[in-house]
């Protein structure tokens, strides 16, 4: 398979430096070689351009969303890169950077696919809006914006209107949801599987249910967005918003393996690795590379 690596050195969505270094760090640790050893043809498209702006200007374009213009510009460029990759019959593998980039990947993928599904593996829901967000950090808003919920500057990114039907959104491993997110999840009847659900029902049953629903909904493309904070911080300390009681490494590998072996996955994100928080034995970077290896080993 042809794989396009796209780096997004973006920290504006989480407002915590360090995560923007991840694409180049993962490159220097041999990500292209890891992927290509499984008979994939790898094209490294480099990094998406991210505008530079001082922290003092974070609210200059909106009173309650940080770095709005910069996040929009970066995501618009990313959306075009993802769309172009899909047009070239290549799978875009987007390495972040913070999870606000999910808006760009979904926007690009949804322009190519008529009925996109999104699997969002994350400790958080990322379905806040500028009105419900307790922080103003846009990395907590991309999934809502993709469903056409929130500020028009985000919902209309790349092209106007909804990118993904809420029925086609599947949030997995959530365990830290804000009040406004909980209300939205109930209101829109979103498919959310918390860590409590995983422990109660079993991971295998939930993953199968997600795949069955995607098939029933006749999705013609599936975007898999993996936030490393879905994994318990005991295993992955190098991330900016860690939440306890997360997935084990083996559970994360099972999820990635099962989804990619379905042959439905058409684009992938891996986000929120912060090397500044990856101390001592570099456990996080090793784990991230291991997860990438496991993903592309099972992708055919």
C-alpha atoms as a PDB file:
ATOM      1  CA  UNK A   1       0.000   0.000   0.000  1.00  0.00           C
ATOM      2  CA  UNK A   2       1.133   3.580  -0.657  1.00  0.00           C
ATOM      3  CA  UNK A   3       1.464   5.535   2.595  1.00  0.00           C
ATOM      4  CA  UNK A   4       1.849   9.319   2.773  1.00  0.00           C
ATOM      5  CA  UNK A   5       3.410  10.541   6.026  1.00  0.00           C
ATOM      6  CA  UNK A   6       2.223  14.042   6.897  1.00  0.00           C
ATOM      7  CA  UNK A   7       3.705  15.822   9.920  1.00  0.00           C
ATOM      8  CA  UNK A   8       1.773  18.537  11.748  1.00  0.00           C
ATOM      9  CA  UNK A   9       4.043  20.392  14.219  1.00  0.00           C
ATOM     10  CA  UNK A  10       1.158  22.094  15.995  1.00  0.00           C
ATOM     11  CA  UNK A  11       0.786  22.935  19.673  1.00  0.00           C
ATOM     12  CA  UNK A  12      -1.691  25.831  19.433  1.00  0.00           C
ATOM     13  CA  UNK A  13      -4.671  23.548  19.940  1.00  0.00           C
ATOM     14  CA  UNK A  14      -3.447  22.322  23.331  1.00  0.00           C
ATOM     15  CA  UNK A  15      -1.489  25.465  24.313  1.00  0.00           C
ATOM     16  CA  UNK A  16       1.392  23.421  25.716  1.00  0.00           C
ATOM     17  CA  UNK A  17       4.729  23.334  23.944  1.00  0.00           C
ATOM     18  CA  UNK A  18       6.590  20.130  23.207  1.00  0.00           C
ATOM     19  CA  UNK A  19       3.953  18.306  21.182  1.00  0.00           C
ATOM     20  CA  UNK A  20       4.968  20.215  18.037  1.00  0.00           C
ATOM     21  CA  UNK A  21       8.339  18.438  18.089  1.00  0.00           C
ATOM     22  CA  UNK A  22       6.824  14.979  17.757  1.00  0.00           C
ATOM     23  CA  UNK A  23       6.658  14.648  13.945  1.00  0.00           C
ATOM     24  CA  UNK A  24      10.375  15.244  13.498  1.00  0.00           C
ATOM     25  CA  UNK A  25      11.325  13.124  16.512  1.00  0.00           C
ATOM     26  CA  UNK A  26       9.302  10.190  15.192  1.00  0.00           C
ATOM     27  CA  UNK A  27      10.856  10.710  11.752  1.00  0.00           C
ATOM     28  CA  UNK A  28      14.374  10.693  13.167  1.00  0.00           C
ATOM     29  CA  UNK A  29      13.589   7.455  14.993  1.00  0.00           C
ATOM     30  CA  UNK A  30      12.934   5.760  11.658  1.00  0.00           C
ATOM     31  CA  UNK A  31       9.185   5.776  11.114  1.00  0.00           C
ATOM     32  CA  UNK A  32       9.533   5.495   7.322  1.00  0.00           C
ATOM     33  CA  UNK A  33      11.748   2.431   7.667  1.00  0.00           C
ATOM     34  CA  UNK A  34       9.368   0.868  10.181  1.00  0.00           C
ATOM     35  CA  UNK A  35       6.401   1.222   7.831  1.00  0.00           C
ATOM     36  CA  UNK A  36       8.229   0.264   4.623  1.00  0.00           C
ATOM     37  CA  UNK A  37       9.498  -3.061   6.013  1.00  0.00           C
ATOM     38  CA  UNK A  38       5.930  -4.363   5.683  1.00  0.00           C
ATOM     39  CA  UNK A  39       5.952  -3.916   1.895  1.00  0.00           C
ATOM     40  CA  UNK A  40       4.336  -0.484   1.995  1.00  0.00           C
ATOM     41  CA  UNK A  41       5.664   2.262  -0.250  1.00  0.00           C
ATOM     42  CA  UNK A  42       6.272   5.294   1.949  1.00  0.00           C
ATOM     43  CA  UNK A  43       6.269   8.917   0.826  1.00  0.00           C
ATOM     44  CA  UNK A  44       7.233  11.424   3.497  1.00  0.00           C
ATOM     45  CA  UNK A  45       5.471  14.643   2.524  1.00  0.00           C
ATOM     46  CA  UNK A  46       7.199  16.647   5.251  1.00  0.00           C
ATOM     47  CA  UNK A  47       5.458  18.970   7.663  1.00  0.00           C
ATOM     48  CA  UNK A  48       2.386  21.117   7.159  1.00  0.00           C
ATOM     49  CA  UNK A  49       3.242  24.798   7.526  1.00  0.00           C
ATOM     50  CA  UNK A  50       2.260  26.194  10.922  1.00  0.00           C
ATOM     51  CA  UNK A  51       2.231  30.020  11.301  1.00  0.00           C
ATOM     52  CA  UNK A  52       4.338  31.424  14.125  1.00  0.00           C
ATOM     53  CA  UNK A  53       2.698  33.740  16.653  1.00  0.00           C
ATOM     54  CA  UNK A  54       3.525  34.967  20.150  1.00  0.00           C
ATOM     55  CA  UNK A  55       1.631  33.649  23.171  1.00  0.00           C
ATOM     56  CA  UNK A  56       0.475  37.187  23.921  1.00  0.00           C
ATOM     57  CA  UNK A  57      -1.612  37.014  20.743  1.00  0.00           C
ATOM     58  CA  UNK A  58      -3.432  33.763  21.512  1.00  0.00           C
ATOM     59  CA  UNK A  59      -6.830  35.466  21.919  1.00  0.00           C
ATOM     60  CA  UNK A  60      -6.382  38.071  19.200  1.00  0.00           C
ATOM     61  CA  UNK A  61      -8.729  36.318  16.730  1.00  0.00           C
ATOM     62  CA  UNK A  62     -11.353  35.132  19.237  1.00  0.00           C
ATOM     63  CA  UNK A  63     -12.088  36.000  22.844  1.00  0.00           C
ATOM     64  CA  UNK A  64     -12.570  32.414  24.024  1.00  0.00           C
ATOM     65  CA  UNK A  65     -10.696  30.201  21.524  1.00  0.00           C
ATOM     66  CA  UNK A  66      -6.913  30.238  21.619  1.00  0.00           C
ATOM     67  CA  UNK A  67      -4.889  30.701  18.418  1.00  0.00           C
ATOM     68  CA  UNK A  68      -8.001  30.373  16.271  1.00  0.00           C
ATOM     69  CA  UNK A  69      -6.585  31.775  13.027  1.00  0.00           C
ATOM     70  CA  UNK A  70      -3.402  29.725  13.284  1.00  0.00           C
ATOM     71  CA  UNK A  71      -5.307  26.510  13.975  1.00  0.00           C
ATOM     72  CA  UNK A  72      -7.616  27.210  11.035  1.00  0.00           C
ATOM     73  CA  UNK A  73      -4.778  27.921   8.592  1.00  0.00           C
ATOM     74  CA  UNK A  74      -2.875  24.801   9.611  1.00  0.00           C
ATOM     75  CA  UNK A  75      -5.960  22.606   9.373  1.00  0.00           C
ATOM     76  CA  UNK A  76      -6.957  24.004   6.001  1.00  0.00           C
ATOM     77  CA  UNK A  77      -3.532  23.126   4.607  1.00  0.00           C
ATOM     78  CA  UNK A  78      -3.696  19.700   6.232  1.00  0.00           C
ATOM     79  CA  UNK A  79      -7.148  19.033   4.790  1.00  0.00           C
ATOM     80  CA  UNK A  80      -5.825  19.709   1.288  1.00  0.00           C
ATOM     81  CA  UNK A  81      -2.848  17.386   1.854  1.00  0.00           C
ATOM     82  CA  UNK A  82      -5.118  14.591   3.099  1.00  0.00           C
ATOM     83  CA  UNK A  83      -7.558  15.054   0.222  1.00  0.00           C
ATOM     84  CA  UNK A  84      -4.708  15.042  -2.311  1.00  0.00           C
ATOM     85  CA  UNK A  85      -3.279  11.861  -0.784  1.00  0.00           C
ATOM     86  CA  UNK A  86      -6.597  10.069  -1.072  1.00  0.00           C
ATOM     87  CA  UNK A  87      -7.011  11.262  -4.656  1.00  0.00           C
ATOM     88  CA  UNK A  88      -3.616   9.690  -5.363  1.00  0.00           C
ATOM     89  CA  UNK A  89      -4.807   6.373  -3.855  1.00  0.00           C
ATOM     90  CA  UNK A  90      -2.451   6.759  -0.890  1.00  0.00           C
ATOM     91  CA  UNK A  91      -3.330   6.348   2.783  1.00  0.00           C
ATOM     92  CA  UNK A  92      -2.535   9.543   4.705  1.00  0.00           C
ATOM     93  CA  UNK A  93      -0.761   8.855   8.009  1.00  0.00           C
ATOM     94  CA  UNK A  94      -0.825  12.107   9.969  1.00  0.00           C
ATOM     95  CA  UNK A  95       1.596  12.527  12.865  1.00  0.00           C
ATOM     96  CA  UNK A  96       0.855  15.286  15.379  1.00  0.00           C
ATOM     97  CA  UNK A  97       0.997  17.634  17.027  1.00  0.00           C
ATOM     98  CA  UNK A  98      -2.113  18.140  19.102  1.00  0.00           C
ATOM     99  CA  UNK A  99      -5.556  16.725  18.362  1.00  0.00           C
ATOM    100  CA  UNK A 100      -6.983  19.925  16.895  1.00  0.00           C
ATOM    101  CA  UNK A 101      -5.471  18.593  13.653  1.00  0.00           C
ATOM    102  CA  UNK A 102      -8.295  16.025  13.611  1.00  0.00           C
ATOM    103  CA  UNK A 103     -10.516  18.683  12.082  1.00  0.00           C
ATOM    104  CA  UNK A 104      -8.179  18.968   9.101  1.00  0.00           C
ATOM    105  CA  UNK A 105      -7.828  15.246   8.529  1.00  0.00           C
ATOM    106  CA  UNK A 106     -11.564  14.642   8.771  1.00  0.00           C
ATOM    107  CA  UNK A 107     -12.305  17.605   6.496  1.00  0.00           C
ATOM    108  CA  UNK A 108      -9.913  16.335   3.841  1.00  0.00           C
ATOM    109  CA  UNK A 109     -11.132  12.745   4.091  1.00  0.00           C
ATOM    110  CA  UNK A 110     -14.797  13.716   4.024  1.00  0.00           C
ATOM    111  CA  UNK A 111     -14.350  15.664   0.811  1.00  0.00           C
ATOM    112  CA  UNK A 112     -13.125  12.455  -0.799  1.00  0.00           C
ATOM    113  CA  UNK A 113     -15.607  10.022   0.800  1.00  0.00           C
ATOM    114  CA  UNK A 114     -19.342  10.577   0.569  1.00  0.00           C
ATOM    115  CA  UNK A 115     -20.164   8.772   3.826  1.00  0.00           C
ATOM    116  CA  UNK A 116     -17.119   8.911   6.098  1.00  0.00           C
ATOM    117  CA  UNK A 117     -17.020   7.208   9.496  1.00  0.00           C
ATOM    118  CA  UNK A 118     -14.659   8.329  12.280  1.00  0.00           C
ATOM    119  CA  UNK A 119     -13.210   6.171  15.057  1.00  0.00           C
ATOM    120  CA  UNK A 120     -11.902   8.527  17.743  1.00  0.00           C
ATOM    121  CA  UNK A 121      -9.716   6.726  20.301  1.00  0.00           C
ATOM    122  CA  UNK A 122      -9.156   9.198  23.117  1.00  0.00           C
ATOM    123  CA  UNK A 123      -9.439   9.715  26.879  1.00  0.00           C
ATOM    124  CA  UNK A 124     -11.489  12.804  26.011  1.00  0.00           C
ATOM    125  CA  UNK A 125     -14.539  13.380  23.851  1.00  0.00           C
ATOM    126  CA  UNK A 126     -13.224  16.433  21.980  1.00  0.00           C
ATOM    127  CA  UNK A 127     -16.819  17.497  21.392  1.00  0.00           C
ATOM    128  CA  UNK A 128     -16.662  20.851  23.152  1.00  0.00           C
ATOM    129  CA  UNK A 129     -17.535  24.144  21.497  1.00  0.00           C
ATOM    130  CA  UNK A 130     -16.318  27.651  22.250  1.00  0.00           C
ATOM    131  CA  UNK A 131     -19.308  27.960  24.583  1.00  0.00           C
ATOM    132  CA  UNK A 132     -18.745  24.751  26.572  1.00  0.00           C
ATOM    133  CA  UNK A 133     -14.953  24.504  26.646  1.00  0.00           C
ATOM    134  CA  UNK A 134     -13.488  25.149  30.124  1.00  0.00           C
ATOM    135  CA  UNK A 135     -10.049  25.949  28.652  1.00  0.00           C
ATOM    136  CA  UNK A 136     -10.487  27.551  25.226  1.00  0.00           C
ATOM    137  CA  UNK A 137      -8.135  24.911  23.816  1.00  0.00           C
ATOM    138  CA  UNK A 138      -9.282  23.941  20.338  1.00  0.00           C
ATOM    139  CA  UNK A 139      -7.917  20.382  20.641  1.00  0.00           C
ATOM    140  CA  UNK A 140     -11.072  19.747  22.672  1.00  0.00           C
ATOM    141  CA  UNK A 141     -13.343  20.849  19.812  1.00  0.00           C
ATOM    142  CA  UNK A 142     -12.405  19.167  16.490  1.00  0.00           C
ATOM    143  CA  UNK A 143     -14.853  16.280  16.613  1.00  0.00           C
ATOM    144  CA  UNK A 144     -17.783  18.573  17.431  1.00  0.00           C
ATOM    145  CA  UNK A 145     -16.802  20.919  14.604  1.00  0.00           C
ATOM    146  CA  UNK A 146     -16.572  17.969  12.202  1.00  0.00           C
ATOM    147  CA  UNK A 147     -20.211  17.190  13.035  1.00  0.00           C
ATOM    148  CA  UNK A 148     -21.124  20.826  12.241  1.00  0.00           C
ATOM    149  CA  UNK A 149     -21.420  21.764  15.930  1.00  0.00           C
ATOM    150  CA  UNK A 150     -19.694  24.908  17.148  1.00  0.00           C
ATOM    151  CA  UNK A 151     -18.224  28.094  15.704  1.00  0.00           C
ATOM    152  CA  UNK A 152     -18.673  28.543  11.936  1.00  0.00           C
ATOM    153  CA  UNK A 153     -14.964  29.228  11.418  1.00  0.00           C
ATOM    154  CA  UNK A 154     -14.313  25.638  12.501  1.00  0.00           C
ATOM    155  CA  UNK A 155     -17.421  23.913  11.146  1.00  0.00           C
ATOM    156  CA  UNK A 156     -16.924  25.441   7.686  1.00  0.00           C
ATOM    157  CA  UNK A 157     -13.215  24.638   7.410  1.00  0.00           C
ATOM    158  CA  UNK A 158     -12.120  23.506   3.909  1.00  0.00           C
ATOM    159  CA  UNK A 159     -15.723  23.453   2.739  1.00  0.00           C
ATOM    160  CA  UNK A 160     -19.001  24.572   4.250  1.00  0.00           C
ATOM    161  CA  UNK A 161     -21.059  22.306   6.475  1.00  0.00           C
ATOM    162  CA  UNK A 162     -20.996  18.913   8.127  1.00  0.00           C
ATOM    163  CA  UNK A 163     -18.037  16.613   7.519  1.00  0.00           C
ATOM    164  CA  UNK A 164     -19.298  13.523   9.313  1.00  0.00           C
ATOM    165  CA  UNK A 165     -22.758  12.385  10.364  1.00  0.00           C
ATOM    166  CA  UNK A 166     -22.981  11.961  14.163  1.00  0.00           C
ATOM    167  CA  UNK A 167     -24.282   8.412  13.576  1.00  0.00           C
ATOM    168  CA  UNK A 168     -20.912   7.638  11.984  1.00  0.00           C
ATOM    169  CA  UNK A 169     -18.817   8.866  14.940  1.00  0.00           C
ATOM    170  CA  UNK A 170     -17.424   6.329  17.421  1.00  0.00           C
ATOM    171  CA  UNK A 171     -15.542   7.508  20.521  1.00  0.00           C
ATOM    172  CA  UNK A 172     -13.553   4.796  22.274  1.00  0.00           C
ATOM    173  CA  UNK A 173     -11.704   4.752  25.656  1.00  0.00           C
ATOM    174  CA  UNK A 174     -13.236   8.005  26.942  1.00  0.00           C
ATOM    175  CA  UNK A 175     -13.010   8.692  30.670  1.00  0.00           C
ATOM    176  CA  UNK A 176     -12.709  12.481  31.059  1.00  0.00           C
ATOM    177  CA  UNK A 177     -15.760  14.224  29.629  1.00  0.00           C
ATOM    178  CA  UNK A 178     -16.728  17.830  30.358  1.00  0.00           C
ATOM    179  CA  UNK A 179     -20.290  18.699  31.348  1.00  0.00           C
ATOM    180  CA  UNK A 180     -21.105  20.252  27.990  1.00  0.00           C
ATOM    181  CA  UNK A 181     -19.740  17.186  26.208  1.00  0.00           C
ATOM    182  CA  UNK A 182     -21.914  14.847  28.266  1.00  0.00           C
ATOM    183  CA  UNK A 183     -24.986  16.897  27.314  1.00  0.00           C
ATOM    184  CA  UNK A 184     -24.034  16.873  23.639  1.00  0.00           C
ATOM    185  CA  UNK A 185     -23.414  13.116  23.682  1.00  0.00           C
ATOM    186  CA  UNK A 186     -26.897  12.548  25.122  1.00  0.00           C
ATOM    187  CA  UNK A 187     -28.547  15.051  22.803  1.00  0.00           C
ATOM    188  CA  UNK A 188     -26.994  13.646  19.627  1.00  0.00           C
ATOM    189  CA  UNK A 189     -27.018  10.023  20.842  1.00  0.00           C
ATOM    190  CA  UNK A 190     -23.354   9.663  19.986  1.00  0.00           C
ATOM    191  CA  UNK A 191     -21.667   6.261  20.003  1.00  0.00           C
ATOM    192  CA  UNK A 192     -19.400   6.591  23.038  1.00  0.00           C
ATOM    193  CA  UNK A 193     -17.624   3.671  24.672  1.00  0.00           C
ATOM    194  CA  UNK A 194     -15.966   4.625  27.950  1.00  0.00           C
ATOM    195  CA  UNK A 195     -13.262   2.735  29.807  1.00  0.00           C
ATOM    196  CA  UNK A 196     -16.019   1.621  32.177  1.00  0.00           C
ATOM    197  CA  UNK A 197     -17.860   0.125  29.199  1.00  0.00           C
ATOM    198  CA  UNK A 198     -14.678  -1.616  28.081  1.00  0.00           C
ATOM    199  CA  UNK A 199     -14.113  -3.105  31.534  1.00  0.00           C
ATOM    200  CA  UNK A 200     -17.772  -4.159  31.815  1.00  0.00           C
ATOM    201  CA  UNK A 201     -18.509  -5.436  28.326  1.00  0.00           C
ATOM    202  CA  UNK A 202     -15.060  -6.412  27.101  1.00  0.00           C
ATOM    203  CA  UNK A 203     -12.962  -4.774  24.429  1.00  0.00           C
ATOM    204  CA  UNK A 204     -13.512  -7.449  21.801  1.00  0.00           C
ATOM    205  CA  UNK A 205     -17.302  -7.067  21.960  1.00  0.00           C
ATOM    206  CA  UNK A 206     -17.133  -3.272  21.645  1.00  0.00           C
ATOM    207  CA  UNK A 207     -14.693  -3.255  18.746  1.00  0.00           C
ATOM    208  CA  UNK A 208     -16.893  -5.746  16.901  1.00  0.00           C
ATOM    209  CA  UNK A 209     -19.954  -3.594  17.567  1.00  0.00           C
ATOM    210  CA  UNK A 210     -18.209  -0.537  16.136  1.00  0.00           C
ATOM    211  CA  UNK A 211     -17.229  -2.405  12.987  1.00  0.00           C
ATOM    212  CA  UNK A 212     -20.734  -3.826  12.610  1.00  0.00           C
ATOM    213  CA  UNK A 213     -22.313  -0.364  12.923  1.00  0.00           C
ATOM    214  CA  UNK A 214     -19.883   1.080  10.383  1.00  0.00           C
ATOM    215  CA  UNK A 215     -20.889  -1.665   7.956  1.00  0.00           C
ATOM    216  CA  UNK A 216     -24.599  -1.136   8.646  1.00  0.00           C
ATOM    217  CA  UNK A 217     -24.170   2.589   7.970  1.00  0.00           C
ATOM    218  CA  UNK A 218     -22.525   1.807   4.609  1.00  0.00           C
ATOM    219  CA  UNK A 219     -19.513   4.004   5.299  1.00  0.00           C
ATOM    220  CA  UNK A 220     -17.258   4.182   2.261  1.00  0.00           C
ATOM    221  CA  UNK A 221     -14.220   5.410   4.221  1.00  0.00           C
ATOM    222  CA  UNK A 222     -13.101   5.221   7.859  1.00  0.00           C
ATOM    223  CA  UNK A 223     -10.791   7.698   9.542  1.00  0.00           C
ATOM    224  CA  UNK A 224      -8.965   6.295  12.580  1.00  0.00           C
ATOM    225  CA  UNK A 225      -7.784   9.017  14.972  1.00  0.00           C
ATOM    226  CA  UNK A 226      -5.573   7.735  17.792  1.00  0.00           C
ATOM    227  CA  UNK A 227      -4.709   9.983  20.723  1.00  0.00           C
ATOM    228  CA  UNK A 228      -1.971   8.393  22.815  1.00  0.00           C
ATOM    229  CA  UNK A 229      -3.656   9.657  25.999  1.00  0.00           C
ATOM    230  CA  UNK A 230      -6.181   6.866  25.444  1.00  0.00           C
ATOM    231  CA  UNK A 231      -3.453   4.679  26.987  1.00  0.00           C
ATOM    232  CA  UNK A 232      -2.891   4.714  30.740  1.00  0.00           C
ATOM    233  CA  UNK A 233      -0.167   7.240  31.718  1.00  0.00           C
ATOM    234  CA  UNK A 234       1.643   4.462  33.569  1.00  0.00           C
ATOM    235  CA  UNK A 235       2.654   3.197  30.126  1.00  0.00           C
ATOM    236  CA  UNK A 236       2.753   6.518  28.236  1.00  0.00           C
ATOM    237  CA  UNK A 237       3.761   9.451  30.460  1.00  0.00           C
ATOM    238  CA  UNK A 238       4.723  11.754  27.583  1.00  0.00           C
ATOM    239  CA  UNK A 239       1.382  13.357  26.808  1.00  0.00           C
ATOM    240  CA  UNK A 240      -0.098  16.679  27.874  1.00  0.00           C
ATOM    241  CA  UNK A 241      -3.500  15.656  29.288  1.00  0.00           C
ATOM    242  CA  UNK A 242      -3.005  12.246  30.915  1.00  0.00           C
ATOM    243  CA  UNK A 243      -5.963  10.475  32.521  1.00  0.00           C
ATOM    244  CA  UNK A 244      -5.617   7.416  34.729  1.00  0.00           C
ATOM    245  CA  UNK A 245      -7.371   4.080  34.188  1.00  0.00           C
ATOM    246  CA  UNK A 246      -6.709   3.980  30.468  1.00  0.00           C
ATOM    247  CA  UNK A 247      -5.922   1.272  27.952  1.00  0.00           C
ATOM    248  CA  UNK A 248      -2.959  -1.024  28.315  1.00  0.00           C
ATOM    249  CA  UNK A 249      -0.432  -1.175  25.486  1.00  0.00           C
ATOM    250  CA  UNK A 250      -1.743  -4.616  24.530  1.00  0.00           C
ATOM    251  CA  UNK A 251      -5.315  -3.318  24.423  1.00  0.00           C
ATOM    252  CA  UNK A 252      -4.246  -0.420  22.191  1.00  0.00           C
ATOM    253  CA  UNK A 253      -2.463  -2.871  19.902  1.00  0.00           C
ATOM    254  CA  UNK A 254      -5.557  -5.067  19.737  1.00  0.00           C
ATOM    255  CA  UNK A 255      -7.711  -2.076  18.778  1.00  0.00           C
ATOM    256  CA  UNK A 256      -5.335  -0.892  16.063  1.00  0.00           C
ATOM    257  CA  UNK A 257      -4.764  -4.397  14.700  1.00  0.00           C
ATOM    258  CA  UNK A 258      -8.459  -5.269  14.545  1.00  0.00           C
ATOM    259  CA  UNK A 259      -9.516  -2.051  12.881  1.00  0.00           C
ATOM    260  CA  UNK A 260      -6.776  -2.028  10.236  1.00  0.00           C
ATOM    261  CA  UNK A 261      -7.245  -5.741   9.469  1.00  0.00           C
ATOM    262  CA  UNK A 262     -10.861  -4.956   8.578  1.00  0.00           C
ATOM    263  CA  UNK A 263      -9.486  -3.234   5.460  1.00  0.00           C
ATOM    264  CA  UNK A 264     -11.914  -0.366   6.038  1.00  0.00           C
ATOM    265  CA  UNK A 265      -9.416   2.180   7.419  1.00  0.00           C
ATOM    266  CA  UNK A 266      -8.613   4.857   4.840  1.00  0.00           C
ATOM    267  CA  UNK A 267      -6.680   7.445   6.909  1.00  0.00           C
ATOM    268  CA  UNK A 268      -4.940   7.510  10.288  1.00  0.00           C
ATOM    269  CA  UNK A 269      -3.876  10.128  12.867  1.00  0.00           C
ATOM    270  CA  UNK A 270      -1.520   9.613  15.780  1.00  0.00           C
ATOM    271  CA  UNK A 271      -1.399  12.616  18.082  1.00  0.00           C
ATOM    272  CA  UNK A 272      -0.476  14.241  21.409  1.00  0.00           C
ATOM    273  CA  UNK A 273       3.024  12.803  21.955  1.00  0.00           C
ATOM    274  CA  UNK A 274       4.884  15.469  23.967  1.00  0.00           C
ATOM    275  CA  UNK A 275       8.598  14.721  24.085  1.00  0.00           C
ATOM    276  CA  UNK A 276       9.154  17.364  26.772  1.00  0.00           C
ATOM    277  CA  UNK A 277       7.188  15.127  29.143  1.00  0.00           C
ATOM    278  CA  UNK A 278       8.845  11.909  27.952  1.00  0.00           C
ATOM    279  CA  UNK A 279      11.521  11.659  30.651  1.00  0.00           C
ATOM    280  CA  UNK A 280      14.049   9.084  31.764  1.00  0.00           C
ATOM    281  CA  UNK A 281      13.844   5.969  29.590  1.00  0.00           C
ATOM    282  CA  UNK A 282      11.803   7.554  26.745  1.00  0.00           C
ATOM    283  CA  UNK A 283       8.995   5.074  27.328  1.00  0.00           C
ATOM    284  CA  UNK A 284       6.491   7.099  25.347  1.00  0.00           C
ATOM    285  CA  UNK A 285       8.495   7.440  22.147  1.00  0.00           C
ATOM    286  CA  UNK A 286       9.320   3.725  22.248  1.00  0.00           C
ATOM    287  CA  UNK A 287       5.663   2.862  22.779  1.00  0.00           C
ATOM    288  CA  UNK A 288       4.502   5.163  19.968  1.00  0.00           C
ATOM    289  CA  UNK A 289       6.944   3.582  17.515  1.00  0.00           C
ATOM    290  CA  UNK A 290       5.835   0.136  18.673  1.00  0.00           C
ATOM    291  CA  UNK A 291       2.190   1.055  18.056  1.00  0.00           C
ATOM    292  CA  UNK A 292       3.046   2.384  14.592  1.00  0.00           C
ATOM    293  CA  UNK A 293       4.949  -0.811  13.821  1.00  0.00           C
ATOM    294  CA  UNK A 294       2.012  -2.934  14.969  1.00  0.00           C
ATOM    295  CA  UNK A 295      -0.485  -0.880  12.962  1.00  0.00           C
ATOM    296  CA  UNK A 296       1.298  -1.075   9.612  1.00  0.00           C
ATOM    297  CA  UNK A 297       2.305  -4.704  10.128  1.00  0.00           C
ATOM    298  CA  UNK A 298      -1.404  -5.520  10.095  1.00  0.00           C
ATOM    299  CA  UNK A 299      -2.473  -3.092   7.352  1.00  0.00           C
ATOM    300  CA  UNK A 300      -2.938  -4.705   3.963  1.00  0.00           C
END
